[in-house]
Amino acid sequence: MPPTIRRSHTPGQGIPVETAWILVRLRKNPAEADYALARGRAVRSGTPGIHFDDWSSLPPREKERRSSWLRRHGRSPFQQLQISEQFLVLAGISVTDWGPPPTDGPSTTATQPRA
């Protein structure tokens, strides 16, 4: 299921360290899903699921940094974890991911987020 696109209220905001730690730990060892569910409920903040920040409101330096990352890696750091939105909602975890960059026509090298 593709993520539901919602705008974050704070463009460029990273995810809290505790949330990032839960997601990386889950990615490294899927057997820890129960732990991730319990910790996710404990650190609940905001509406669970994937939220995208607004690319157009980012400072030019951040836009370039993200464009460079996307050219090299093809996906945002969160998208590389391959954790479903269903799991985030179930665990009560809210993640602000990079909104898709605007497309400037065929010469655009950055890619759209993958589900």
C-alpha atoms as a PDB file:
ATOM      1  CA  MET A   1       0.000   0.000   0.000  1.00  0.00           C
ATOM      2  CA  PRO A   2       1.560   3.374  -0.982  1.00  0.00           C
ATOM      3  CA  PRO A   3       1.893   5.913   1.827  1.00  0.00           C
ATOM      4  CA  THR A   4      -0.782   8.510   2.313  1.00  0.00           C
ATOM      5  CA  ILE A   5       0.685  11.909   1.490  1.00  0.00           C
ATOM      6  CA  ARG A   6       0.226  14.380   4.317  1.00  0.00           C
ATOM      7  CA  ARG A   7       2.200  17.562   4.805  1.00  0.00           C
ATOM      8  CA  SER A   8       4.286  17.987   7.928  1.00  0.00           C
ATOM      9  CA  HIS A   9       3.926  21.256   9.792  1.00  0.00           C
ATOM     10  CA  THR A  10       7.695  21.659  10.225  1.00  0.00           C
ATOM     11  CA  PRO A  11       9.599  21.417   6.938  1.00  0.00           C
ATOM     12  CA  GLY A  12      13.018  19.840   7.174  1.00  0.00           C
ATOM     13  CA  GLN A  13      12.343  18.485  10.647  1.00  0.00           C
ATOM     14  CA  GLY A  14      14.065  15.186  11.384  1.00  0.00           C
ATOM     15  CA  ILE A  15      12.500  12.369  13.328  1.00  0.00           C
ATOM     16  CA  PRO A  16      13.145  12.134  17.072  1.00  0.00           C
ATOM     17  CA  VAL A  17      16.201  10.080  18.073  1.00  0.00           C
ATOM     18  CA  GLU A  18      14.067   7.552  19.987  1.00  0.00           C
ATOM     19  CA  THR A  19      11.862   6.977  16.926  1.00  0.00           C
ATOM     20  CA  ALA A  20      14.877   6.657  14.623  1.00  0.00           C
ATOM     21  CA  TRP A  21      16.453   4.157  17.004  1.00  0.00           C
ATOM     22  CA  ILE A  22      13.268   2.044  17.062  1.00  0.00           C
ATOM     23  CA  LEU A  23      13.050   2.027  13.255  1.00  0.00           C
ATOM     24  CA  VAL A  24      16.714   1.139  12.688  1.00  0.00           C
ATOM     25  CA  ARG A  25      16.552  -1.586  15.328  1.00  0.00           C
ATOM     26  CA  LEU A  26      13.439  -3.022  13.680  1.00  0.00           C
ATOM     27  CA  ARG A  27      15.066  -2.946  10.241  1.00  0.00           C
ATOM     28  CA  LYS A  28      18.138  -4.794  11.523  1.00  0.00           C
ATOM     29  CA  ASN A  29      16.071  -7.433  13.310  1.00  0.00           C
ATOM     30  CA  PRO A  30      12.405  -7.813  12.239  1.00  0.00           C
ATOM     31  CA  ALA A  31      11.900 -10.296  15.101  1.00  0.00           C
ATOM     32  CA  GLU A  32      11.882  -7.264  17.395  1.00  0.00           C
ATOM     33  CA  ALA A  33       8.535  -6.074  16.054  1.00  0.00           C
ATOM     34  CA  ASP A  34       6.830  -6.569  19.431  1.00  0.00           C
ATOM     35  CA  TYR A  35       9.493  -4.442  21.110  1.00  0.00           C
ATOM     36  CA  ALA A  36       9.123  -1.777  18.408  1.00  0.00           C
ATOM     37  CA  LEU A  37       5.344  -1.788  18.892  1.00  0.00           C
ATOM     38  CA  ALA A  38       5.678  -1.337  22.665  1.00  0.00           C
ATOM     39  CA  ARG A  39       8.329   1.410  22.419  1.00  0.00           C
ATOM     40  CA  GLY A  40       6.443   3.133  19.618  1.00  0.00           C
ATOM     41  CA  ARG A  41       3.384   3.421  21.809  1.00  0.00           C
ATOM     42  CA  ALA A  42       5.545   4.831  24.616  1.00  0.00           C
ATOM     43  CA  VAL A  43       7.042   7.598  22.437  1.00  0.00           C
ATOM     44  CA  ARG A  44       3.871   8.401  20.507  1.00  0.00           C
ATOM     45  CA  SER A  45       3.864  11.910  19.113  1.00  0.00           C
ATOM     46  CA  GLY A  46       1.537  13.334  16.517  1.00  0.00           C
ATOM     47  CA  THR A  47      -0.647  11.390  14.131  1.00  0.00           C
ATOM     48  CA  PRO A  48       0.872   7.956  13.403  1.00  0.00           C
ATOM     49  CA  GLY A  49       1.994   7.219   9.853  1.00  0.00           C
ATOM     50  CA  ILE A  50       4.158   8.832   7.199  1.00  0.00           C
ATOM     51  CA  HIS A  51       4.026  12.588   6.753  1.00  0.00           C
ATOM     52  CA  PHE A  52       5.913  14.460   4.048  1.00  0.00           C
ATOM     53  CA  ASP A  53       7.483  17.844   4.504  1.00  0.00           C
ATOM     54  CA  ASP A  54       7.011  20.536   1.888  1.00  0.00           C
ATOM     55  CA  TRP A  55       9.955  20.636  -0.523  1.00  0.00           C
ATOM     56  CA  SER A  56       9.121  24.165  -1.687  1.00  0.00           C
ATOM     57  CA  SER A  57       9.519  25.578   1.827  1.00  0.00           C
ATOM     58  CA  LEU A  58      13.034  24.154   2.373  1.00  0.00           C
ATOM     59  CA  PRO A  59      16.109  26.396   2.304  1.00  0.00           C
ATOM     60  CA  PRO A  60      18.182  26.110  -0.913  1.00  0.00           C
ATOM     61  CA  ARG A  61      21.045  24.343   0.897  1.00  0.00           C
ATOM     62  CA  GLU A  62      18.718  21.629   2.216  1.00  0.00           C
ATOM     63  CA  LYS A  63      17.141  21.172  -1.222  1.00  0.00           C
ATOM     64  CA  GLU A  64      20.591  20.638  -2.739  1.00  0.00           C
ATOM     65  CA  ARG A  65      21.604  18.224   0.042  1.00  0.00           C
ATOM     66  CA  ARG A  66      18.484  16.128  -0.498  1.00  0.00           C
ATOM     67  CA  SER A  67      18.784  16.247  -4.296  1.00  0.00           C
ATOM     68  CA  SER A  68      22.364  15.017  -4.006  1.00  0.00           C
ATOM     69  CA  TRP A  69      21.307  12.203  -1.661  1.00  0.00           C
ATOM     70  CA  LEU A  70      18.480  11.143  -3.982  1.00  0.00           C
ATOM     71  CA  ARG A  71      20.793  11.102  -7.007  1.00  0.00           C
ATOM     72  CA  ARG A  72      23.224   8.842  -5.131  1.00  0.00           C
ATOM     73  CA  HIS A  73      20.767   6.575  -3.296  1.00  0.00           C
ATOM     74  CA  GLY A  74      17.456   6.810  -5.170  1.00  0.00           C
ATOM     75  CA  ARG A  75      15.394   7.000  -1.960  1.00  0.00           C
ATOM     76  CA  SER A  76      15.267   8.970   1.273  1.00  0.00           C
ATOM     77  CA  PRO A  77      16.963   7.496   4.365  1.00  0.00           C
ATOM     78  CA  PHE A  78      13.558   6.500   5.787  1.00  0.00           C
ATOM     79  CA  GLN A  79      12.460   4.874   2.524  1.00  0.00           C
ATOM     80  CA  GLN A  80      15.641   2.778   2.588  1.00  0.00           C
ATOM     81  CA  LEU A  81      14.443   1.189   5.829  1.00  0.00           C
ATOM     82  CA  GLN A  82      11.456  -0.306   3.947  1.00  0.00           C
ATOM     83  CA  ILE A  83       9.112  -0.108   6.928  1.00  0.00           C
ATOM     84  CA  SER A  84       5.441  -0.024   5.972  1.00  0.00           C
ATOM     85  CA  GLU A  85       3.046   2.738   6.883  1.00  0.00           C
ATOM     86  CA  GLN A  86       0.719   0.054   8.272  1.00  0.00           C
ATOM     87  CA  PHE A  87       3.364  -0.873  10.846  1.00  0.00           C
ATOM     88  CA  LEU A  88       3.928   2.778  11.760  1.00  0.00           C
ATOM     89  CA  VAL A  89       0.207   3.295  12.350  1.00  0.00           C
ATOM     90  CA  LEU A  90      -0.063   0.084  14.379  1.00  0.00           C
ATOM     91  CA  ALA A  91       2.930   1.101  16.511  1.00  0.00           C
ATOM     92  CA  GLY A  92       1.706   4.681  16.892  1.00  0.00           C
ATOM     93  CA  ILE A  93       4.874   6.038  15.263  1.00  0.00           C
ATOM     94  CA  SER A  94       4.859   9.284  13.316  1.00  0.00           C
ATOM     95  CA  VAL A  95       7.598   9.776  10.706  1.00  0.00           C
ATOM     96  CA  THR A  96       8.279  12.921   8.706  1.00  0.00           C
ATOM     97  CA  ASP A  97       9.835  11.819   5.441  1.00  0.00           C
ATOM     98  CA  TRP A  98      11.139  13.963   2.617  1.00  0.00           C
ATOM     99  CA  GLY A  99       8.434  15.267   0.390  1.00  0.00           C
ATOM    100  CA  PRO A 100       9.016  14.549  -3.293  1.00  0.00           C
ATOM    101  CA  PRO A 101      11.059  17.177  -5.118  1.00  0.00           C
ATOM    102  CA  PRO A 102       9.275  19.093  -7.844  1.00  0.00           C
ATOM    103  CA  THR A 103       9.726  17.670 -11.306  1.00  0.00           C
ATOM    104  CA  ASP A 104      11.395  20.067 -13.707  1.00  0.00           C
ATOM    105  CA  GLY A 105      10.809  17.936 -16.783  1.00  0.00           C
ATOM    106  CA  PRO A 106      12.934  15.140 -18.258  1.00  0.00           C
ATOM    107  CA  SER A 107      16.252  16.497 -16.933  1.00  0.00           C
ATOM    108  CA  THR A 108      15.306  15.974 -13.263  1.00  0.00           C
ATOM    109  CA  THR A 109      17.712  13.495 -11.688  1.00  0.00           C
ATOM    110  CA  ALA A 110      16.052  13.066  -8.301  1.00  0.00           C
ATOM    111  CA  THR A 111      13.504  10.287  -7.951  1.00  0.00           C
ATOM    112  CA  GLN A 112      10.087  10.177  -6.400  1.00  0.00           C
ATOM    113  CA  PRO A 113       9.722   8.324  -3.063  1.00  0.00           C
ATOM    114  CA  ARG A 114       9.147   4.598  -3.300  1.00  0.00           C
ATOM    115  CA  ALA A 115       6.613   2.801  -1.145  1.00  0.00           C
END
